[in-house]
């Protein structure tokens, strides 16, 4: 007799989904950054770009996997992709955030509106803020940007709000995919 719920997927399948969604998110982020050349221009532009379609893809991936270790798998694979690209200021926060999101999803679940908006907001906001702070120390930035609390506050609030909006979009995408039968 099988005691597994019908929506439970194997760890092997979860790993495949994690790889697919991580690579898709990474590819979109790289495409955005390369097409706008914003890695070199603005320390705040890269996190803002990563908090759009790439964040939606990661959130959808967590919902599709819908099991323990899903956020960690997605986070570690994504971090590995950024580390290979010599972007440790993005890779390091992703590792930390994957464990935070894993804890949140174990408490709140993976697919409810409240859970998705919460973990996407926290993941995106923290990734944006932490990667910006690390990038400031790794890439020399003029002092006024580093010392202005108004810029930091505005950008940080903007990152969390933008991430919440992306979580809402990801929730409705997955809800639609469940409704039409693509995802169980």
N, C-alpha and C. Protein backbone atom coordinates (compact mmCIF):
# COMPACT_ATOMS: atom_id res chain seq x y z
N UNK A 1 0.84 -1.18 0.00
CA UNK A 1 0.00 0.00 0.00
C UNK A 1 0.89 1.25 0.00
N UNK A 2 0.53 2.22 -0.78
CA UNK A 2 1.31 3.44 -0.93
C UNK A 2 0.73 4.52 -0.02
N UNK A 3 1.55 5.02 0.93
CA UNK A 3 1.08 6.04 1.86
C UNK A 3 1.39 7.46 1.40
N UNK A 4 1.97 7.61 0.24
CA UNK A 4 2.33 8.93 -0.25
C UNK A 4 1.09 9.65 -0.77
N UNK A 5 0.99 10.97 -0.48
CA UNK A 5 -0.12 11.73 -1.07
C UNK A 5 -0.01 11.74 -2.59
N UNK A 6 -1.12 11.94 -3.26
CA UNK A 6 -1.12 11.89 -4.73
C UNK A 6 -0.32 13.03 -5.35
N UNK A 7 -0.15 14.14 -4.62
CA UNK A 7 0.60 15.26 -5.19
C UNK A 7 2.07 15.24 -4.78
N UNK A 8 2.51 14.17 -4.14
CA UNK A 8 3.90 14.04 -3.72
C UNK A 8 4.76 13.61 -4.90
N UNK A 9 5.87 14.30 -5.11
CA UNK A 9 6.77 13.91 -6.19
C UNK A 9 8.07 13.40 -5.58
N UNK A 10 8.76 12.57 -6.31
CA UNK A 10 10.01 11.99 -5.82
C UNK A 10 11.10 13.05 -5.74
N UNK A 11 12.11 12.74 -4.98
CA UNK A 11 13.25 13.65 -4.87
C UNK A 11 13.95 13.81 -6.21
N UNK A 12 14.00 12.72 -6.98
CA UNK A 12 14.63 12.77 -8.31
C UNK A 12 13.88 13.74 -9.23
N UNK A 13 12.55 13.65 -9.24
CA UNK A 13 11.75 14.56 -10.07
C UNK A 13 11.87 16.00 -9.54
N UNK A 14 11.91 16.15 -8.22
CA UNK A 14 12.07 17.49 -7.63
C UNK A 14 13.40 18.09 -8.06
N UNK A 15 14.44 17.26 -8.12
CA UNK A 15 15.75 17.74 -8.55
C UNK A 15 15.72 18.18 -10.02
N UNK A 16 15.03 17.42 -10.86
CA UNK A 16 14.91 17.79 -12.27
C UNK A 16 14.18 19.13 -12.41
N UNK A 17 13.07 19.27 -11.69
CA UNK A 17 12.33 20.54 -11.73
C UNK A 17 13.18 21.69 -11.20
N UNK A 18 13.93 21.45 -10.12
CA UNK A 18 14.79 22.49 -9.55
C UNK A 18 15.84 22.93 -10.57
N UNK A 19 16.42 21.98 -11.28
CA UNK A 19 17.42 22.32 -12.30
C UNK A 19 16.78 23.14 -13.42
N UNK A 20 15.62 22.71 -13.89
CA UNK A 20 14.95 23.40 -14.99
C UNK A 20 14.58 24.83 -14.60
N UNK A 21 13.95 25.01 -13.44
CA UNK A 21 13.53 26.35 -13.04
C UNK A 21 14.72 27.24 -12.67
N UNK A 22 15.77 26.66 -12.09
CA UNK A 22 16.96 27.45 -11.76
C UNK A 22 17.67 27.93 -13.01
N UNK A 23 17.82 27.04 -13.98
CA UNK A 23 18.48 27.43 -15.24
C UNK A 23 17.64 28.46 -15.98
N UNK A 24 16.33 28.27 -16.01
CA UNK A 24 15.46 29.25 -16.68
C UNK A 24 15.57 30.61 -16.02
N UNK A 25 15.54 30.65 -14.70
CA UNK A 25 15.65 31.91 -13.97
C UNK A 25 17.00 32.57 -14.23
N UNK A 26 18.05 31.78 -14.16
CA UNK A 26 19.40 32.28 -14.40
C UNK A 26 19.53 32.83 -15.83
N UNK A 27 19.00 32.10 -16.79
CA UNK A 27 19.09 32.53 -18.19
C UNK A 27 18.36 33.85 -18.42
N UNK A 28 17.19 33.98 -17.83
CA UNK A 28 16.44 35.23 -17.98
C UNK A 28 17.19 36.38 -17.30
N UNK A 29 17.71 36.14 -16.11
CA UNK A 29 18.47 37.19 -15.41
C UNK A 29 19.71 37.59 -16.21
N UNK A 30 20.40 36.61 -16.76
CA UNK A 30 21.59 36.91 -17.58
C UNK A 30 21.20 37.68 -18.83
N UNK A 31 20.11 37.28 -19.45
CA UNK A 31 19.64 37.99 -20.64
C UNK A 31 19.29 39.43 -20.33
N UNK A 32 18.58 39.65 -19.23
CA UNK A 32 18.24 41.02 -18.83
C UNK A 32 19.49 41.83 -18.60
N UNK A 33 20.42 41.27 -17.84
CA UNK A 33 21.63 42.01 -17.47
C UNK A 33 22.52 42.28 -18.67
N UNK A 34 22.67 41.29 -19.53
CA UNK A 34 23.53 41.49 -20.70
C UNK A 34 22.90 42.44 -21.71
N UNK A 35 21.59 42.36 -21.85
CA UNK A 35 20.94 43.23 -22.83
C UNK A 35 20.93 44.68 -22.39
N UNK A 36 20.99 44.91 -21.10
CA UNK A 36 20.98 46.29 -20.61
C UNK A 36 22.34 46.73 -20.08
N UNK A 37 23.28 45.79 -19.99
CA UNK A 37 24.64 46.07 -19.50
C UNK A 37 24.61 46.75 -18.14
N UNK A 38 23.69 46.33 -17.29
CA UNK A 38 23.53 47.01 -16.01
C UNK A 38 24.40 46.45 -14.89
N UNK A 39 25.07 45.32 -15.10
CA UNK A 39 25.96 44.85 -14.05
C UNK A 39 27.05 45.87 -13.76
N UNK A 40 27.57 46.48 -14.81
CA UNK A 40 28.67 47.42 -14.64
C UNK A 40 28.19 48.84 -14.35
N UNK A 41 26.96 49.16 -14.69
CA UNK A 41 26.49 50.54 -14.57
C UNK A 41 25.95 50.86 -13.19
N UNK A 42 25.10 50.02 -12.65
CA UNK A 42 24.45 50.37 -11.40
C UNK A 42 24.37 49.18 -10.47
N UNK A 43 24.79 49.38 -9.25
CA UNK A 43 24.80 48.34 -8.25
C UNK A 43 23.37 47.96 -7.84
N UNK A 44 22.42 48.87 -7.99
CA UNK A 44 21.03 48.59 -7.62
C UNK A 44 20.22 48.01 -8.77
N UNK A 45 20.67 48.17 -9.99
CA UNK A 45 19.89 47.72 -11.14
C UNK A 45 19.81 46.20 -11.24
N UNK A 46 20.92 45.51 -10.96
CA UNK A 46 20.92 44.05 -11.06
C UNK A 46 19.92 43.40 -10.12
N UNK A 47 19.91 43.75 -8.84
CA UNK A 47 18.89 43.14 -7.97
C UNK A 47 17.47 43.46 -8.41
N UNK A 48 17.24 44.65 -8.91
CA UNK A 48 15.89 45.00 -9.35
C UNK A 48 15.49 44.16 -10.56
N UNK A 49 16.43 43.89 -11.46
CA UNK A 49 16.13 43.03 -12.61
C UNK A 49 15.88 41.59 -12.16
N UNK A 50 16.67 41.11 -11.20
CA UNK A 50 16.51 39.74 -10.71
C UNK A 50 15.21 39.54 -9.94
N UNK A 51 14.57 40.62 -9.54
CA UNK A 51 13.34 40.51 -8.78
C UNK A 51 12.10 40.58 -9.66
N UNK A 52 12.26 40.33 -10.95
CA UNK A 52 11.10 40.32 -11.85
C UNK A 52 10.89 38.89 -12.34
N UNK A 53 11.02 38.65 -13.61
CA UNK A 53 10.76 37.32 -14.20
C UNK A 53 11.62 36.23 -13.56
N UNK A 54 12.91 36.45 -13.29
CA UNK A 54 13.68 35.38 -12.64
C UNK A 54 13.09 34.96 -11.29
N UNK A 55 12.63 35.92 -10.50
CA UNK A 55 12.02 35.60 -9.20
C UNK A 55 10.69 34.87 -9.39
N UNK A 56 9.91 35.27 -10.38
CA UNK A 56 8.66 34.58 -10.67
C UNK A 56 8.95 33.11 -11.01
N UNK A 57 9.96 32.87 -11.84
CA UNK A 57 10.30 31.50 -12.22
C UNK A 57 10.71 30.66 -11.01
N UNK A 58 11.49 31.23 -10.11
CA UNK A 58 11.89 30.49 -8.91
C UNK A 58 10.69 30.20 -8.01
N UNK A 59 9.80 31.17 -7.87
CA UNK A 59 8.61 30.97 -7.05
C UNK A 59 7.68 29.91 -7.66
N UNK A 60 7.52 29.97 -8.97
CA UNK A 60 6.71 28.95 -9.65
C UNK A 60 7.36 27.58 -9.45
N UNK A 61 8.69 27.51 -9.54
CA UNK A 61 9.41 26.26 -9.34
C UNK A 61 9.16 25.67 -7.96
N UNK A 62 9.18 26.50 -6.94
CA UNK A 62 8.92 26.03 -5.58
C UNK A 62 7.50 25.48 -5.47
N UNK A 63 6.55 26.16 -6.10
CA UNK A 63 5.16 25.69 -6.06
C UNK A 63 4.98 24.40 -6.86
N UNK A 64 5.66 24.28 -7.97
CA UNK A 64 5.54 23.07 -8.79
C UNK A 64 6.14 21.88 -8.03
N UNK A 65 7.31 22.07 -7.43
CA UNK A 65 7.95 20.99 -6.67
C UNK A 65 7.07 20.61 -5.48
N UNK A 66 6.57 21.59 -4.74
CA UNK A 66 5.57 21.37 -3.69
C UNK A 66 5.97 20.28 -2.70
N UNK A 67 7.21 20.32 -2.25
CA UNK A 67 7.67 19.32 -1.28
C UNK A 67 8.85 19.85 -0.49
N UNK A 68 9.15 19.17 0.62
CA UNK A 68 10.32 19.51 1.42
C UNK A 68 11.56 19.44 0.56
N UNK A 69 12.50 20.30 0.86
CA UNK A 69 13.78 20.43 0.17
C UNK A 69 13.68 21.10 -1.20
N UNK A 70 12.49 21.39 -1.70
CA UNK A 70 12.35 22.09 -2.97
C UNK A 70 13.04 23.44 -2.98
N UNK A 71 12.77 24.31 -1.98
CA UNK A 71 13.44 25.61 -1.96
C UNK A 71 14.96 25.50 -1.83
N UNK A 72 15.43 24.52 -1.06
CA UNK A 72 16.88 24.35 -0.91
C UNK A 72 17.50 23.90 -2.23
N UNK A 73 16.86 22.96 -2.91
CA UNK A 73 17.39 22.50 -4.20
C UNK A 73 17.47 23.66 -5.19
N UNK A 74 16.38 24.42 -5.30
CA UNK A 74 16.37 25.55 -6.23
C UNK A 74 17.41 26.59 -5.83
N UNK A 75 17.51 26.88 -4.54
CA UNK A 75 18.48 27.87 -4.07
C UNK A 75 19.92 27.47 -4.31
N UNK A 76 20.24 26.22 -4.01
CA UNK A 76 21.62 25.76 -4.18
C UNK A 76 22.02 25.67 -5.65
N UNK A 77 21.11 25.20 -6.49
CA UNK A 77 21.42 25.12 -7.92
C UNK A 77 21.58 26.53 -8.50
N UNK A 78 20.68 27.43 -8.13
CA UNK A 78 20.79 28.82 -8.60
C UNK A 78 22.09 29.45 -8.11
N UNK A 79 22.43 29.23 -6.84
CA UNK A 79 23.67 29.78 -6.29
C UNK A 79 24.88 29.23 -7.04
N UNK A 80 24.82 27.95 -7.37
CA UNK A 80 25.92 27.35 -8.13
C UNK A 80 26.09 28.00 -9.50
N UNK A 81 24.98 28.28 -10.16
CA UNK A 81 25.04 28.93 -11.47
C UNK A 81 25.67 30.32 -11.37
N UNK A 82 25.28 31.08 -10.34
CA UNK A 82 25.86 32.41 -10.17
C UNK A 82 27.32 32.34 -9.73
N UNK A 83 27.68 31.33 -8.94
CA UNK A 83 29.07 31.18 -8.51
C UNK A 83 29.97 30.86 -9.70
N UNK A 84 29.49 29.99 -10.59
CA UNK A 84 30.26 29.64 -11.79
C UNK A 84 30.45 30.87 -12.67
N UNK A 85 29.50 31.79 -12.61
CA UNK A 85 29.58 33.03 -13.40
C UNK A 85 30.37 34.12 -12.70
N UNK A 86 31.03 33.78 -11.62
CA UNK A 86 31.84 34.73 -10.85
C UNK A 86 31.00 35.87 -10.30
N UNK A 87 29.81 35.54 -9.80
CA UNK A 87 28.94 36.52 -9.17
C UNK A 87 28.63 36.08 -7.73
N UNK A 88 29.66 36.06 -6.87
CA UNK A 88 29.45 35.58 -5.51
C UNK A 88 28.50 36.47 -4.70
N UNK A 89 28.39 37.74 -5.07
CA UNK A 89 27.49 38.62 -4.35
C UNK A 89 26.02 38.27 -4.57
N UNK A 90 25.73 37.44 -5.56
CA UNK A 90 24.37 36.91 -5.75
C UNK A 90 24.30 35.48 -5.21
N UNK A 91 25.36 34.71 -5.40
CA UNK A 91 25.36 33.30 -4.98
C UNK A 91 25.25 33.15 -3.47
N UNK A 92 25.99 33.92 -2.72
CA UNK A 92 26.00 33.79 -1.25
C UNK A 92 24.62 34.07 -0.66
N UNK A 93 23.95 35.18 -1.02
CA UNK A 93 22.61 35.40 -0.49
C UNK A 93 21.62 34.29 -0.87
N UNK A 94 21.75 33.73 -2.07
CA UNK A 94 20.83 32.67 -2.49
C UNK A 94 20.93 31.44 -1.60
N UNK A 95 22.13 31.12 -1.15
CA UNK A 95 22.30 29.98 -0.24
C UNK A 95 21.59 30.25 1.08
N UNK A 96 21.82 31.42 1.63
CA UNK A 96 21.20 31.79 2.91
C UNK A 96 19.68 31.80 2.77
N UNK A 97 19.20 32.41 1.71
CA UNK A 97 17.76 32.57 1.50
C UNK A 97 17.08 31.24 1.27
N UNK A 98 17.76 30.30 0.62
CA UNK A 98 17.13 29.00 0.37
C UNK A 98 16.77 28.30 1.68
N UNK A 99 17.61 28.43 2.69
CA UNK A 99 17.31 27.82 3.98
C UNK A 99 16.19 28.56 4.71
N UNK A 100 16.15 29.88 4.57
CA UNK A 100 15.07 30.67 5.18
C UNK A 100 13.74 30.30 4.54
N UNK A 101 13.71 30.24 3.21
CA UNK A 101 12.47 29.90 2.50
C UNK A 101 12.05 28.47 2.81
N UNK A 102 12.99 27.56 2.95
CA UNK A 102 12.65 26.18 3.34
C UNK A 102 11.92 26.17 4.67
N UNK A 103 12.42 26.94 5.63
CA UNK A 103 11.76 27.02 6.93
C UNK A 103 10.36 27.62 6.83
N UNK A 104 10.22 28.67 6.05
CA UNK A 104 8.92 29.32 5.88
C UNK A 104 7.93 28.37 5.23
N UNK A 105 8.37 27.65 4.19
CA UNK A 105 7.44 26.75 3.48
C UNK A 105 7.05 25.56 4.34
N UNK A 106 7.91 25.12 5.21
CA UNK A 106 7.54 24.02 6.11
C UNK A 106 6.48 24.44 7.11
N UNK A 107 6.46 25.71 7.44
CA UNK A 107 5.45 26.23 8.38
C UNK A 107 4.17 26.63 7.65
N UNK A 108 4.31 27.37 6.54
CA UNK A 108 3.14 27.96 5.87
C UNK A 108 2.62 27.16 4.68
N UNK A 109 3.44 26.29 4.13
CA UNK A 109 3.04 25.56 2.93
C UNK A 109 3.72 26.15 1.71
N UNK A 110 3.35 25.60 0.55
CA UNK A 110 4.02 25.95 -0.69
C UNK A 110 3.14 26.73 -1.67
N UNK A 111 1.83 26.52 -1.60
CA UNK A 111 0.97 27.04 -2.66
C UNK A 111 -0.11 28.01 -2.24
N UNK A 112 -0.33 28.25 -0.98
CA UNK A 112 -1.37 29.20 -0.61
C UNK A 112 -0.92 30.62 -0.95
N UNK A 113 -1.88 31.50 -1.17
CA UNK A 113 -1.56 32.88 -1.53
C UNK A 113 -0.68 33.52 -0.46
N UNK A 114 -1.05 33.33 0.79
CA UNK A 114 -0.30 33.92 1.89
C UNK A 114 1.14 33.39 1.91
N UNK A 115 1.30 32.09 1.74
CA UNK A 115 2.64 31.49 1.77
C UNK A 115 3.49 31.98 0.60
N UNK A 116 2.92 31.96 -0.59
CA UNK A 116 3.69 32.34 -1.78
C UNK A 116 4.13 33.80 -1.70
N UNK A 117 3.22 34.68 -1.35
CA UNK A 117 3.59 36.10 -1.25
C UNK A 117 4.61 36.31 -0.14
N UNK A 118 4.44 35.60 0.98
CA UNK A 118 5.38 35.75 2.09
C UNK A 118 6.77 35.29 1.71
N UNK A 119 6.89 34.05 1.22
CA UNK A 119 8.26 33.57 0.95
C UNK A 119 8.88 34.24 -0.27
N UNK A 120 8.09 34.65 -1.23
CA UNK A 120 8.66 35.36 -2.38
C UNK A 120 9.11 36.76 -1.96
N UNK A 121 8.33 37.43 -1.11
CA UNK A 121 8.72 38.75 -0.62
C UNK A 121 10.02 38.68 0.16
N UNK A 122 10.08 37.73 1.06
CA UNK A 122 11.28 37.60 1.89
C UNK A 122 12.48 37.20 1.03
N UNK A 123 12.29 36.22 0.16
CA UNK A 123 13.39 35.77 -0.69
C UNK A 123 13.89 36.89 -1.60
N UNK A 124 12.98 37.54 -2.30
CA UNK A 124 13.38 38.59 -3.22
C UNK A 124 13.96 39.80 -2.52
N UNK A 125 13.30 40.22 -1.45
CA UNK A 125 13.79 41.39 -0.72
C UNK A 125 15.17 41.16 -0.12
N UNK A 126 15.33 40.01 0.53
CA UNK A 126 16.64 39.70 1.11
C UNK A 126 17.71 39.52 0.04
N UNK A 127 17.36 38.84 -1.05
CA UNK A 127 18.34 38.66 -2.12
C UNK A 127 18.77 40.03 -2.67
N UNK A 128 17.81 40.90 -2.86
CA UNK A 128 18.13 42.23 -3.38
C UNK A 128 19.02 43.02 -2.43
N UNK A 129 18.64 43.05 -1.16
CA UNK A 129 19.40 43.83 -0.18
C UNK A 129 20.78 43.21 0.07
N UNK A 130 20.81 41.89 0.33
CA UNK A 130 22.10 41.24 0.62
C UNK A 130 23.05 41.27 -0.57
N UNK A 131 22.54 41.03 -1.76
CA UNK A 131 23.43 41.05 -2.93
C UNK A 131 23.94 42.46 -3.19
N UNK A 132 23.13 43.47 -2.91
CA UNK A 132 23.58 44.85 -3.09
C UNK A 132 24.67 45.19 -2.09
N UNK A 133 24.47 44.79 -0.83
CA UNK A 133 25.49 45.06 0.21
C UNK A 133 26.80 44.36 -0.14
N UNK A 134 26.72 43.08 -0.50
CA UNK A 134 27.95 42.36 -0.87
C UNK A 134 28.61 42.96 -2.10
N UNK A 135 27.82 43.36 -3.07
CA UNK A 135 28.38 43.95 -4.28
C UNK A 135 29.07 45.28 -3.98
N UNK A 136 28.54 46.04 -3.03
CA UNK A 136 29.18 47.30 -2.65
C UNK A 136 30.58 47.08 -2.10
N UNK A 137 30.75 45.97 -1.39
CA UNK A 137 32.07 45.68 -0.83
C UNK A 137 33.00 45.01 -1.83
N UNK A 138 32.43 44.32 -2.81
CA UNK A 138 33.26 43.63 -3.80
C UNK A 138 33.59 44.51 -5.00
N UNK A 139 32.69 45.43 -5.33
CA UNK A 139 32.88 46.36 -6.44
C UNK A 139 32.92 47.74 -5.83
N UNK A 140 33.97 48.48 -6.10
CA UNK A 140 34.11 49.82 -5.51
C UNK A 140 33.05 50.76 -6.07
N UNK A 141 32.25 51.32 -5.14
CA UNK A 141 31.17 52.22 -5.50
C UNK A 141 31.44 53.56 -4.82
N UNK A 142 31.11 54.69 -5.46
CA UNK A 142 31.33 56.00 -4.85
C UNK A 142 30.66 56.11 -3.47
N UNK A 143 31.32 56.80 -2.56
CA UNK A 143 30.89 56.92 -1.17
C UNK A 143 29.47 57.45 -0.98
N UNK A 144 28.98 58.45 -1.75
CA UNK A 144 27.63 58.94 -1.49
C UNK A 144 26.56 57.86 -1.60
N UNK A 145 26.72 56.91 -2.50
CA UNK A 145 25.74 55.84 -2.63
C UNK A 145 25.78 54.92 -1.42
N UNK A 146 26.99 54.67 -0.92
CA UNK A 146 27.16 53.77 0.21
C UNK A 146 26.61 54.38 1.49
N UNK A 147 26.77 55.67 1.67
CA UNK A 147 26.43 56.30 2.95
C UNK A 147 25.03 56.90 3.02
N UNK A 148 24.31 56.95 1.96
CA UNK A 148 23.00 57.59 1.98
C UNK A 148 21.92 56.64 2.52
N UNK A 149 21.43 56.91 3.72
CA UNK A 149 20.38 56.04 4.28
C UNK A 149 19.06 56.17 3.52
N UNK A 150 18.83 57.30 2.89
CA UNK A 150 17.59 57.49 2.14
C UNK A 150 17.55 56.58 0.91
N UNK A 151 18.67 56.49 0.22
CA UNK A 151 18.74 55.60 -0.94
C UNK A 151 18.54 54.16 -0.49
N UNK A 152 19.25 53.75 0.56
CA UNK A 152 19.14 52.38 1.06
C UNK A 152 17.72 52.04 1.49
N UNK A 153 17.10 52.93 2.21
CA UNK A 153 15.74 52.69 2.68
C UNK A 153 14.76 52.58 1.51
N UNK A 154 14.84 53.52 0.58
CA UNK A 154 13.92 53.51 -0.56
C UNK A 154 14.11 52.27 -1.43
N UNK A 155 15.35 51.93 -1.72
CA UNK A 155 15.62 50.77 -2.56
C UNK A 155 15.21 49.48 -1.85
N UNK A 156 15.48 49.38 -0.56
CA UNK A 156 15.11 48.17 0.19
C UNK A 156 13.60 47.98 0.24
N UNK A 157 12.87 49.04 0.52
CA UNK A 157 11.41 48.96 0.55
C UNK A 157 10.89 48.60 -0.84
N UNK A 158 11.47 49.22 -1.86
CA UNK A 158 11.07 48.91 -3.23
C UNK A 158 11.30 47.44 -3.58
N UNK A 159 12.42 46.88 -3.13
CA UNK A 159 12.72 45.47 -3.42
C UNK A 159 11.70 44.53 -2.77
N UNK A 160 11.33 44.81 -1.53
CA UNK A 160 10.36 43.96 -0.85
C UNK A 160 8.97 44.08 -1.49
N UNK A 161 8.58 45.30 -1.86
CA UNK A 161 7.28 45.49 -2.51
C UNK A 161 7.26 44.82 -3.88
N UNK A 162 8.32 45.01 -4.65
CA UNK A 162 8.41 44.39 -5.97
C UNK A 162 8.36 42.86 -5.84
N UNK A 163 9.04 42.32 -4.85
CA UNK A 163 9.05 40.87 -4.63
C UNK A 163 7.67 40.36 -4.25
N UNK A 164 6.93 41.12 -3.44
CA UNK A 164 5.57 40.72 -3.08
C UNK A 164 4.68 40.67 -4.32
N UNK A 165 4.83 41.64 -5.19
CA UNK A 165 4.06 41.66 -6.44
C UNK A 165 4.42 40.46 -7.31
N UNK A 166 5.69 40.11 -7.38
CA UNK A 166 6.11 38.95 -8.17
C UNK A 166 5.55 37.66 -7.56
N UNK A 167 5.47 37.60 -6.23
CA UNK A 167 4.87 36.44 -5.57
C UNK A 167 3.41 36.31 -5.92
N UNK A 168 2.71 37.42 -5.98
CA UNK A 168 1.29 37.42 -6.36
C UNK A 168 1.13 36.91 -7.80
N UNK A 169 1.97 37.39 -8.68
CA UNK A 169 1.92 36.94 -10.09
C UNK A 169 2.22 35.44 -10.17
N UNK A 170 3.25 34.98 -9.45
CA UNK A 170 3.61 33.56 -9.47
C UNK A 170 2.47 32.70 -8.94
N UNK A 171 1.80 33.17 -7.89
CA UNK A 171 0.68 32.43 -7.33
C UNK A 171 -0.42 32.25 -8.37
N UNK A 172 -0.77 33.30 -9.07
CA UNK A 172 -1.83 33.21 -10.07
C UNK A 172 -1.43 32.39 -11.29
N UNK A 173 -0.16 32.40 -11.64
CA UNK A 173 0.31 31.54 -12.74
C UNK A 173 0.12 30.08 -12.37
N UNK A 174 0.59 29.71 -11.17
CA UNK A 174 0.47 28.31 -10.75
C UNK A 174 -0.99 27.93 -10.53
N UNK A 175 -1.79 28.82 -9.98
CA UNK A 175 -3.22 28.54 -9.81
C UNK A 175 -3.87 28.24 -11.14
N UNK A 176 -3.53 28.99 -12.16
CA UNK A 176 -4.07 28.75 -13.50
C UNK A 176 -3.59 27.41 -14.05
N UNK A 177 -2.30 27.11 -13.86
CA UNK A 177 -1.76 25.84 -14.34
C UNK A 177 -2.40 24.64 -13.63
N UNK A 178 -2.73 24.81 -12.36
CA UNK A 178 -3.43 23.75 -11.63
C UNK A 178 -4.86 23.62 -12.16
N UNK A 179 -5.50 24.75 -12.38
CA UNK A 179 -6.89 24.76 -12.87
C UNK A 179 -7.04 24.06 -14.22
N UNK A 180 -6.07 24.26 -15.10
CA UNK A 180 -6.18 23.65 -16.43
C UNK A 180 -5.58 22.23 -16.47
N UNK A 181 -5.00 21.79 -15.34
CA UNK A 181 -4.54 20.42 -15.24
C UNK A 181 -3.09 20.17 -15.61
N UNK A 182 -2.32 21.22 -15.83
CA UNK A 182 -0.91 21.04 -16.17
C UNK A 182 -0.12 20.59 -14.95
N UNK A 183 -0.50 21.10 -13.79
CA UNK A 183 0.17 20.77 -12.52
C UNK A 183 -0.88 20.16 -11.59
N UNK A 184 -0.45 19.18 -10.82
CA UNK A 184 -1.34 18.60 -9.80
C UNK A 184 -1.01 19.15 -8.46
